[in-house]
Protein backbone atom coordinates (compact mmCIF):
# COMPACT_ATOMS: atom_id res chain seq x y z
CA ALA A 1 96.31 81.99 100.07
CA GLY A 2 97.10 78.84 98.26
CA GLY A 3 96.16 75.71 100.18
CA LYS A 4 98.82 76.07 102.85
CA PHE A 5 96.39 75.22 105.65
CA ASN A 6 94.53 72.03 106.46
CA PHE A 7 92.06 72.78 109.23
CA THR A 8 88.33 72.63 108.45
CA HIS A 9 85.03 74.06 109.65
CA GLU A 10 81.51 73.06 108.77
CA LYS A 11 79.45 75.56 106.71
CA GLY A 12 76.27 74.11 105.29
CA ASP A 13 77.03 70.95 103.34
CA GLU A 14 80.61 71.98 102.54
CA ARG A 15 83.74 71.53 104.57
CA MET A 16 85.16 75.04 104.81
CA LYS A 17 88.15 76.56 106.55
CA LEU A 18 87.61 79.41 108.98
CA TYR A 19 90.51 81.84 109.17
CA SER A 20 91.13 85.42 110.34
CA ASN A 21 93.40 88.33 109.43
CA GLU A 22 93.74 91.87 110.75
CA ILE A 23 94.82 95.40 109.88
CA VAL A 24 95.25 98.47 112.08
CA PHE A 25 94.42 101.99 110.93
CA ARG A 26 96.97 104.78 110.47
CA GLY A 27 95.97 106.31 113.80
CA HIS A 28 96.65 103.20 115.87
CA PRO A 29 99.43 104.09 118.36
CA ASP A 30 101.84 101.42 117.07
CA LYS A 31 101.26 102.49 113.47
CA ILE A 32 101.83 106.13 114.40
CA CYS A 33 105.27 105.17 115.68
CA ASP A 34 106.01 103.19 112.51
CA GLN A 35 105.15 106.22 110.39
CA ILE A 36 107.24 108.62 112.47
CA SER A 37 110.23 106.28 112.20
CA GLY A 38 109.73 106.06 108.43
CA ALA A 39 109.30 109.82 108.03
CA ILE A 40 112.53 110.59 109.89
CA LEU A 41 114.39 108.09 107.71
CA ASP A 42 112.88 109.62 104.56
CA GLU A 43 114.12 113.10 105.50
CA CYS A 44 117.59 111.75 106.23
CA LEU A 45 117.78 109.91 102.89
CA LYS A 46 116.63 113.00 100.97
CA GLN A 47 119.78 114.79 102.15
CA ASP A 48 122.21 111.92 102.60
CA LYS A 49 121.80 108.61 100.77
CA TYR A 50 124.53 107.11 102.94
CA THR A 51 122.44 107.55 106.08
CA ARG A 52 122.61 104.62 108.49
CA ALA A 53 119.63 104.47 110.78
CA GLY A 54 117.69 102.35 113.21
CA ILE A 55 115.00 104.74 114.44
CA GLU A 56 112.37 103.78 116.98
CA CYS A 57 109.56 105.69 118.61
CA ALA A 58 107.35 105.21 121.62
CA LEU A 59 104.15 107.12 122.27
CA LYS A 60 101.98 107.61 125.34
CA ASN A 61 99.45 110.34 126.07
CA ASN A 62 100.91 113.59 124.67
CA ARG A 63 104.56 112.53 124.75
CA ILE A 64 106.67 111.07 121.93
CA TYR A 65 109.97 109.34 122.57
CA ILE A 66 112.39 109.13 119.63
CA PHE A 67 115.39 106.89 120.19
CA GLY A 68 117.82 104.64 118.39
CA GLU A 69 120.84 105.16 116.16
CA ILE A 70 121.41 107.54 113.25
CA THR A 71 124.64 108.28 111.41
CA THR A 72 123.99 110.96 108.77
CA ASN A 73 125.06 114.31 107.39
CA ALA A 74 121.43 115.35 107.06
CA LYS A 75 120.22 118.32 109.11
CA ILE A 76 116.68 117.64 110.22
CA ASP A 77 114.27 118.54 113.00
CA ARG A 78 113.11 115.15 114.24
CA ALA A 79 110.61 116.59 116.70
CA GLU A 80 108.94 118.69 114.02
CA ILE A 81 108.76 115.68 111.70
CA ALA A 82 107.03 113.65 114.41
CA ARG A 83 104.49 116.40 115.06
CA ARG A 84 103.82 116.75 111.33
CA VAL A 85 103.11 113.02 111.02
CA LEU A 86 100.65 113.13 113.91
CA LYS A 87 98.88 116.11 112.36
CA ASP A 88 98.73 114.39 108.96
CA ILE A 89 97.14 111.34 110.59
CA GLY A 90 94.48 113.49 112.24
CA TYR A 91 95.64 114.19 115.79
CA ARG A 92 95.10 117.76 116.95
CA GLU A 93 96.78 117.65 120.36
CA GLU A 94 100.12 119.27 121.13
CA PHE A 95 102.83 116.66 121.68
CA GLN A 96 106.04 116.90 123.66
CA VAL A 97 109.07 115.16 122.17
CA VAL A 98 111.90 113.46 124.04
CA GLU A 99 114.93 112.37 121.99
CA ASN A 100 117.75 109.97 122.75
CA ILE A 101 119.71 109.32 119.55
CA SER A 102 123.25 108.00 119.21
CA GLU A 103 125.39 107.13 116.19
CA GLN A 104 125.28 103.66 114.71
CA SER A 105 127.96 101.36 116.09
CA ARG A 106 131.18 101.47 114.09
CA ASP A 107 131.34 97.68 114.54
CA ILE A 108 128.37 97.39 112.18
CA ALA A 109 129.98 99.79 109.69
CA ILE A 110 132.97 97.45 109.31
CA GLY A 111 130.81 94.99 107.38
CA VAL A 112 128.24 97.34 105.84
CA ASP A 113 130.85 99.67 104.31
CA HIS A 114 132.18 96.65 102.44
CA LEU A 115 128.69 95.93 101.04
CA GLY A 116 127.78 93.27 103.59
CA ALA A 117 124.43 92.83 105.31
CA GLY A 118 123.67 95.23 108.16
CA ASP A 119 122.36 92.47 110.40
CA GLN A 120 121.66 88.78 110.65
CA GLY A 121 118.19 87.33 110.39
CA MET A 122 115.60 85.75 108.13
CA MET A 123 113.01 87.42 105.93
CA PHE A 124 110.01 86.01 104.08
CA GLY A 125 108.36 86.96 100.82
CA TYR A 126 104.94 85.72 99.74
CA ALA A 127 102.69 85.92 96.70
CA CYS A 128 99.49 84.17 95.63
CA ASN A 129 97.16 84.31 92.65
CA ASP A 130 94.06 85.39 94.61
CA THR A 131 94.14 89.00 93.34
CA LYS A 132 95.85 91.23 90.78
CA GLU A 133 97.97 92.51 93.68
CA LEU A 134 99.17 88.91 94.19
CA LEU A 135 98.07 89.11 97.81
CA PRO A 136 95.33 87.18 99.65
CA LEU A 137 91.90 88.63 98.92
CA ALA A 138 91.05 89.24 102.58
CA GLN A 139 94.26 91.24 102.99
CA VAL A 140 93.44 93.37 99.93
CA ILE A 141 89.93 94.00 101.27
CA LEU A 142 91.28 95.19 104.62
CA ILE A 143 93.89 97.44 103.01
CA LYS A 144 91.20 99.09 100.89
CA PHE A 145 88.92 99.42 103.90
CA ALA A 146 91.67 101.05 106.01
CA LYS A 147 92.36 103.56 103.24
CA GLU A 148 88.66 104.42 102.97
CA TYR A 149 88.45 104.89 106.73
CA ASP A 150 91.44 107.23 106.56
CA LYS A 151 89.49 109.35 104.06
CA LEU A 152 86.56 109.57 106.51
CA VAL A 153 88.88 110.83 109.25
CA HIS A 154 90.01 113.69 107.03
CA ILE A 155 86.59 114.45 105.50
CA ASN A 156 84.68 114.43 108.80
CA PRO A 157 87.23 114.77 111.64
CA ASP A 158 84.62 115.79 114.20
CA VAL A 159 82.90 112.41 113.88
CA PHE A 160 85.52 109.86 112.80
CA TYR A 161 88.72 109.77 114.88
CA PRO A 162 92.03 108.24 113.73
CA ASP A 163 92.42 105.12 115.89
CA GLY A 164 90.99 101.74 115.01
CA LYS A 165 91.44 98.33 113.47
CA ALA A 166 89.54 95.79 111.40
CA GLN A 167 89.49 92.02 111.13
CA ILE A 168 88.03 89.50 108.72
CA THR A 169 87.03 86.00 109.75
CA GLY A 170 86.34 84.25 106.49
CA TYR A 171 85.17 80.94 105.07
CA TYR A 172 87.77 79.35 102.77
CA ASP A 173 87.37 76.46 100.36
CA GLN A 174 89.71 73.48 100.05
CA ASN A 175 92.09 75.53 97.91
CA PHE A 176 92.10 78.22 100.58
CA LYS A 177 90.23 80.77 98.51
CA LEU A 178 87.98 83.22 100.37
CA LYS A 179 84.32 82.40 99.65
CA ASP A 180 82.42 84.49 102.21
CA ILE A 181 83.04 86.54 105.35
CA LYS A 182 81.58 85.16 108.54
CA ASP A 183 82.43 88.20 110.70
CA PHE A 184 83.76 91.60 109.65
CA THR A 185 84.96 93.08 112.93
CA ILE A 186 85.56 96.84 113.04
CA SER A 187 86.67 98.89 116.02
CA TYR A 188 86.75 102.56 115.09
CA GLN A 189 87.20 105.59 117.32
CA ASN A 190 84.32 108.06 117.11
CA ASN A 191 82.59 110.77 119.12
CA GLU A 192 79.40 108.71 119.55
CA LYS A 193 77.35 111.41 117.77
CA ASN A 194 74.72 109.78 115.54
CA ARG A 195 76.30 106.38 116.17
CA PHE A 196 73.64 104.56 114.17
CA VAL A 197 74.39 106.71 111.10
CA THR A 198 78.17 106.36 111.34
CA ASP A 199 77.95 102.59 111.84
CA ALA A 200 75.78 102.36 108.73
CA GLU A 201 78.36 104.37 106.77
CA ILE A 202 81.15 102.05 107.95
CA LYS A 203 79.15 98.97 106.94
CA ALA A 204 78.37 100.44 103.53
CA ILE A 205 82.05 100.99 102.79
CA ALA A 206 82.91 97.41 103.71
CA MET A 207 80.03 95.97 101.68
CA THR A 208 80.93 98.05 98.63
CA ILE A 209 84.52 96.81 98.69
CA CYS A 210 83.47 93.18 99.18
CA ARG A 211 80.87 93.43 96.43
CA GLU A 212 83.68 94.14 93.94
CA TYR A 213 84.93 90.61 94.60
CA GLY A 214 81.59 88.85 94.91
CA ILE A 215 82.07 88.37 98.66
CA HIS A 216 79.11 88.41 101.07
CA ILE A 217 79.41 89.56 104.69
CA GLN A 218 77.27 87.46 107.03
CA SER A 219 77.81 89.50 110.19
CA PHE A 220 79.31 92.80 111.35
CA LEU A 221 80.84 93.25 114.78
CA ILE A 222 81.28 97.00 115.17
CA ASN A 223 82.83 98.39 118.35
CA PRO A 224 81.87 95.22 120.25
CA THR A 225 82.24 96.83 123.70
CA GLY A 226 79.59 99.37 122.67
CA LYS A 227 81.84 102.45 122.87
CA PHE A 228 85.14 103.67 121.44
CA LEU A 229 85.49 107.33 122.38
CA THR A 230 88.90 107.41 124.07
CA GLY A 231 91.58 106.18 121.70
CA GLY A 232 95.02 106.79 120.28
CA PRO A 233 97.90 107.26 122.71
CA TYR A 234 95.48 108.19 125.50
CA ALA A 235 93.99 104.68 125.50
CA ASP A 236 97.08 102.68 124.55
CA SER A 237 100.82 103.09 124.20
CA GLY A 238 102.57 102.85 120.85
CA LEU A 239 105.89 101.38 119.78
CA THR A 240 107.69 101.06 116.45
CA GLY A 241 107.79 97.49 115.16
CA ARG A 242 104.91 96.02 117.09
CA LYS A 243 102.77 95.40 114.01
CA ILE A 244 105.11 93.32 111.85
CA VAL A 245 102.30 90.95 110.83
CA VAL A 246 100.13 93.83 109.62
CA ASP A 247 103.16 95.21 107.76
CA ALA A 248 103.69 91.90 105.97
CA TYR A 249 100.97 89.35 105.12
CA GLN A 250 98.42 89.59 107.93
CA SER A 251 99.01 85.96 109.04
CA PHE A 252 98.70 84.37 105.59
CA ALA A 253 102.45 83.70 105.45
CA ASN A 254 105.47 83.44 107.69
CA VAL A 255 106.97 86.69 108.95
CA GLY A 256 110.65 87.41 109.60
CA GLY A 257 111.93 88.30 113.02
CA GLY A 258 112.62 91.99 112.44
CA CYS A 259 110.68 95.22 112.12
CA MET A 260 110.75 96.88 108.68
CA ASN A 261 110.24 100.48 109.82
CA GLY A 262 112.83 103.16 110.57
CA LYS A 263 115.75 101.15 109.17
CA ASP A 264 117.96 102.19 106.28
CA PRO A 265 118.08 99.58 103.49
CA THR A 266 121.48 98.15 104.48
CA LYS A 267 119.40 96.49 107.20
CA VAL A 268 118.17 93.32 105.54
CA ASP A 269 115.04 93.30 107.71
CA ILE A 270 113.71 95.86 105.25
CA SER A 271 115.66 95.27 102.01
CA GLY A 272 115.58 91.48 102.29
CA ALA A 273 111.84 91.44 102.99
CA HIS A 274 111.09 93.53 99.93
CA LYS A 275 113.42 91.46 97.76
CA ALA A 276 111.81 88.25 98.97
CA ARG A 277 108.39 89.64 98.04
CA GLU A 278 109.64 90.68 94.60
CA LEU A 279 111.11 87.23 93.97
CA ALA A 280 107.97 85.46 95.20
CA LYS A 281 105.84 87.46 92.75
CA ARG A 282 108.21 86.78 89.88
CA ILE A 283 108.41 83.04 90.56
CA LEU A 284 104.63 82.82 90.96
CA LYS A 285 104.16 84.27 87.48
CA GLU A 286 106.97 82.36 85.78
CA LYS A 287 105.99 78.98 87.23
CA ARG A 288 102.23 79.63 87.09
CA LEU A 289 101.85 78.83 90.76
CA THR A 290 98.93 79.22 93.11
CA TRP A 291 101.18 80.47 95.89
CA CYS A 292 104.87 80.95 96.55
CA GLU A 293 106.77 81.66 99.76
CA LEU A 294 110.46 82.46 99.85
CA GLN A 295 112.87 82.77 102.78
CA LEU A 296 116.14 84.71 102.76
CA SER A 297 118.71 84.62 105.56
CA TYR A 298 121.84 86.67 106.20
CA ALA A 299 124.78 87.08 108.55
CA ILE A 300 125.95 90.55 109.51
CA GLY A 301 128.82 91.81 107.39
CA LEU A 302 128.57 89.06 104.75
CA GLU A 303 127.62 89.95 101.21
CA LYS A 304 125.81 86.83 100.02
CA PRO A 305 122.69 85.40 101.69
CA LEU A 306 123.30 82.33 103.82
CA ALA A 307 120.37 80.54 102.24
CA ILE A 308 117.37 80.95 99.96
CA TYR A 309 114.45 78.58 100.44
CA ILE A 310 111.49 78.51 98.06
CA ASP A 311 108.22 76.72 98.81
CA SER A 312 105.08 76.60 96.68
CA ASP A 313 101.95 74.65 95.85
CA LYS A 314 104.19 72.61 93.52
CA GLY A 315 106.69 71.85 96.29
CA ASN A 316 110.20 73.14 96.94
CA LEU A 317 111.83 74.90 94.02
CA PRO A 318 115.52 75.17 93.07
CA VAL A 319 117.60 78.30 93.66
CA SER A 320 119.76 79.63 90.84
CA THR A 321 123.19 81.24 91.11
CA ASN A 322 121.74 84.39 89.57
CA MET A 323 119.19 84.61 92.35
CA ILE A 324 121.94 84.44 94.98
CA GLU A 325 123.72 87.32 93.22
CA GLU A 326 120.49 89.31 93.09
CA CYS A 327 120.10 88.98 96.85
CA LYS A 328 123.33 90.72 97.80
CA PRO A 329 122.28 93.76 99.88
CA ALA A 330 123.97 96.35 97.63
CA ARG A 331 122.32 94.81 94.56
CA ILE A 332 118.91 94.78 96.26
CA ILE A 333 119.22 98.45 97.21
CA ARG A 334 120.11 99.36 93.63
CA ASP A 335 117.56 97.15 91.86
CA LEU A 336 114.63 98.12 94.11
CA HIS A 337 115.60 101.81 94.37
CA LEU A 338 115.55 101.62 98.15
CA LEU A 339 117.42 104.89 98.68
CA GLU A 340 114.34 106.79 97.51
CA PRO A 341 112.27 108.27 100.37
CA ARG A 342 109.21 106.02 100.61
CA TYR A 343 109.35 104.58 104.10
CA GLU A 344 106.64 106.69 105.73
CA GLU A 345 104.25 105.72 102.95
CA TRP A 346 105.08 102.03 103.34
CA ALA A 347 104.39 102.24 107.08
CA LYS A 348 100.82 103.56 106.67
CA PHE A 349 98.82 100.51 105.58
CA GLY A 350 101.42 97.73 105.35
CA HIS A 351 104.56 97.51 103.27
CA PHE A 352 102.95 95.85 100.27
CA ALA A 353 99.81 98.00 100.12
CA ASN A 354 101.05 100.41 97.44
CA GLU A 355 102.96 98.21 95.03
CA GLU A 356 102.87 99.15 91.37
């Protein structure tokens, strides 16, 4: 994560930094809503690439609320899409759907139809040389762990239930490289049958992943209350856009102010964030940096970004005219192929979990 932090913690004879990051599983109520929003957008874009959408969902008990704005020629069954997503995640209950959708404001279209940004705001992109994914190692470990847990839910659904989250509290050296894990905290929903066996299976998965990177886990904290039987929307409510840190860099970098799920790519909250990530990776490689963080900012209806700010372990870096041109929303959409249906997939484990 590139030496961005300065706090220290004693570990043996070394001065180490103690830092935490978190992921939520696909079946977490907030993540469910993110995926439903993304799935509805995907179906709209398959039929109409000019779809304009800001789709949000809320979830509690057996009721789904789908609301927001959609302007599209696509003919879709939003309720059926939502139920399909829940089934894919691993929920077996029957869900009622309440919809309240209006068209996108024509005031927004005035600027967007002339290739301007669909909103104001700032977005951040980040990259570091910790891993081949150019993401912090602890983030990569948690993404892999969440994907392995998702497999357990589908292989053994009578034992492993969809809801849960995981957190790493790690020791970092003076260059902010993960050296060891102090606590690997895992809260996973299960039916309490053979709890000792299932806990051992969960630990084994985590240790196998960490072993790939030469990382040792000092301590596991698994279901610290002692029980996690009731979960999902029956234990918590869900809402699209409430996990923007999980979607981005899990606290290792700044995060923009907007949700990335359920929005068509004229909304720079999504397109700008992905462009900023792409630029951060490119600059990291070209300049041979340890870490790079880039901020973009926009005003609604304007074509060019208001500003581009680049920070790195070698200090602030200059911005070229070509980069400004690259960051026009229409150019971003074209260059990054953002009209392709991929938004449900991005919402599952974080937006940068499946990069090529």
